[in-house]
């Protein structure tokens, strides 16, 4: 499921939820062994969104708790793939922040205006 949430800033929050056969949803990694299929699906959804809103985007950000190693690795790889897809005018970066004792990894793809 893909959720688009309104934000007072020109941004969008994309949230991925896994719904099991019993109908319960979760944002945690499922570890079902389908990592490549999941990655391809996530990339497809994000690329579709980018294409639909081309020219209106200048920044894409993914965040995960630093201790969620699988999600951090997924977002790192996704950031690399999307930066390559978007082309030379886009650059990626990542940073670690801490808020209320929780470390977060943030991956950003940003359009460079040269």
Protein backbone atom coordinates (compact mmCIF):
# COMPACT_ATOMS: atom_id res chain seq x y z
CA UNK A 1 0.00 0.00 0.00
CA UNK A 2 1.26 3.45 -0.83
CA UNK A 3 0.23 6.47 1.21
CA UNK A 4 0.66 10.08 0.16
CA UNK A 5 0.39 12.48 3.08
CA UNK A 6 -0.08 16.26 2.82
CA UNK A 7 2.70 18.29 4.37
CA UNK A 8 2.89 22.08 4.88
CA UNK A 9 6.14 22.03 2.86
CA UNK A 10 6.42 21.03 -0.81
CA UNK A 11 7.20 17.40 -0.01
CA UNK A 12 5.49 14.06 0.16
CA UNK A 13 5.73 11.19 2.61
CA UNK A 14 5.65 7.73 1.04
CA UNK A 15 4.95 4.90 3.43
CA UNK A 16 5.10 1.19 2.60
CA UNK A 17 2.97 -1.23 4.59
CA UNK A 18 2.94 -5.02 4.34
CA UNK A 19 -0.48 -6.60 4.83
CA UNK A 20 -0.37 -10.25 5.83
CA UNK A 21 -3.05 -12.82 4.99
CA UNK A 22 -4.79 -12.10 8.30
CA UNK A 23 -5.24 -8.46 7.23
CA UNK A 24 -2.79 -6.96 9.72
CA UNK A 25 -0.47 -4.26 8.43
CA UNK A 26 3.10 -3.61 9.48
CA UNK A 27 5.95 -1.29 8.56
CA UNK A 28 8.59 -3.73 9.80
CA UNK A 29 10.81 -5.77 7.50
CA UNK A 30 9.12 -9.09 6.74
CA UNK A 31 12.25 -11.13 5.92
CA UNK A 32 10.27 -13.32 3.54
CA UNK A 33 13.25 -13.81 1.24
CA UNK A 34 11.73 -11.67 -1.52
CA UNK A 35 14.14 -8.74 -1.13
CA UNK A 36 14.79 -8.34 -4.87
CA UNK A 37 11.08 -8.38 -5.72
CA UNK A 38 10.31 -5.94 -2.92
CA UNK A 39 13.14 -3.62 -4.02
CA UNK A 40 11.95 -3.72 -7.64
CA UNK A 41 8.38 -2.92 -6.56
CA UNK A 42 9.46 -0.03 -4.35
CA UNK A 43 11.67 1.39 -7.11
CA UNK A 44 8.81 1.07 -9.62
CA UNK A 45 6.40 2.93 -7.33
CA UNK A 46 8.86 5.73 -6.57
CA UNK A 47 9.87 6.10 -10.26
CA UNK A 48 6.18 6.26 -11.22
CA UNK A 49 5.66 9.03 -8.67
CA UNK A 50 8.76 10.90 -9.90
CA UNK A 51 7.61 10.66 -13.52
CA UNK A 52 4.12 11.84 -12.63
CA UNK A 53 5.49 14.88 -10.81
CA UNK A 54 8.59 15.56 -12.95
CA UNK A 55 9.66 19.18 -12.76
CA UNK A 56 7.97 19.69 -9.39
CA UNK A 57 10.44 17.65 -7.34
CA UNK A 58 13.82 18.77 -6.17
CA UNK A 59 14.41 16.47 -3.20
CA UNK A 60 13.62 12.87 -2.22
CA UNK A 61 14.36 11.59 1.28
CA UNK A 62 14.23 8.15 2.90
CA UNK A 63 14.71 7.63 6.65
CA UNK A 64 15.12 4.58 8.85
CA UNK A 65 16.18 3.89 12.40
CA UNK A 66 19.91 3.18 12.33
CA UNK A 67 19.42 -0.19 14.03
CA UNK A 68 17.10 -1.36 11.21
CA UNK A 69 20.04 -2.65 9.17
CA UNK A 70 17.93 -4.25 6.44
CA UNK A 71 15.90 -1.09 5.87
CA UNK A 72 19.03 1.09 5.95
CA UNK A 73 20.65 -1.15 3.32
CA UNK A 74 17.46 -1.04 1.22
CA UNK A 75 17.27 2.76 1.32
CA UNK A 76 20.98 3.10 0.59
CA UNK A 77 20.64 0.91 -2.51
CA UNK A 78 17.38 2.58 -3.56
CA UNK A 79 19.02 6.01 -3.25
CA UNK A 80 21.89 4.87 -5.48
CA UNK A 81 19.52 3.40 -8.10
CA UNK A 82 17.28 6.48 -8.17
CA UNK A 83 20.21 8.90 -8.38
CA UNK A 84 21.48 6.99 -11.39
CA UNK A 85 17.97 6.98 -12.92
CA UNK A 86 17.50 10.73 -12.42
CA UNK A 87 20.80 11.68 -14.05
CA UNK A 88 23.71 14.07 -13.60
CA UNK A 89 21.68 16.96 -12.18
CA UNK A 90 20.90 14.94 -9.04
CA UNK A 91 23.22 14.05 -6.15
CA UNK A 92 22.73 11.77 -3.19
CA UNK A 93 23.90 12.03 0.39
CA UNK A 94 23.26 10.37 3.70
CA UNK A 95 23.58 11.40 7.31
CA UNK A 96 23.03 10.01 10.76
CA UNK A 97 21.03 12.06 13.24
CA UNK A 98 19.91 11.44 16.79
CA UNK A 99 16.59 12.45 18.29
CA UNK A 100 15.56 11.57 21.83
CA UNK A 101 18.19 8.83 22.01
CA UNK A 102 17.22 7.21 18.70
CA UNK A 103 19.72 7.23 15.82
CA UNK A 104 18.30 7.63 12.32
CA UNK A 105 19.86 7.25 8.90
CA UNK A 106 18.56 9.70 6.32
CA UNK A 107 19.24 9.28 2.61
CA UNK A 108 18.61 12.26 0.35
CA UNK A 109 18.55 12.71 -3.40
CA UNK A 110 18.59 16.37 -4.34
CA UNK A 111 18.48 18.28 -7.63
CA UNK A 112 21.55 20.44 -8.12
CA UNK A 113 20.92 23.84 -9.69
CA UNK A 114 24.18 24.79 -11.37
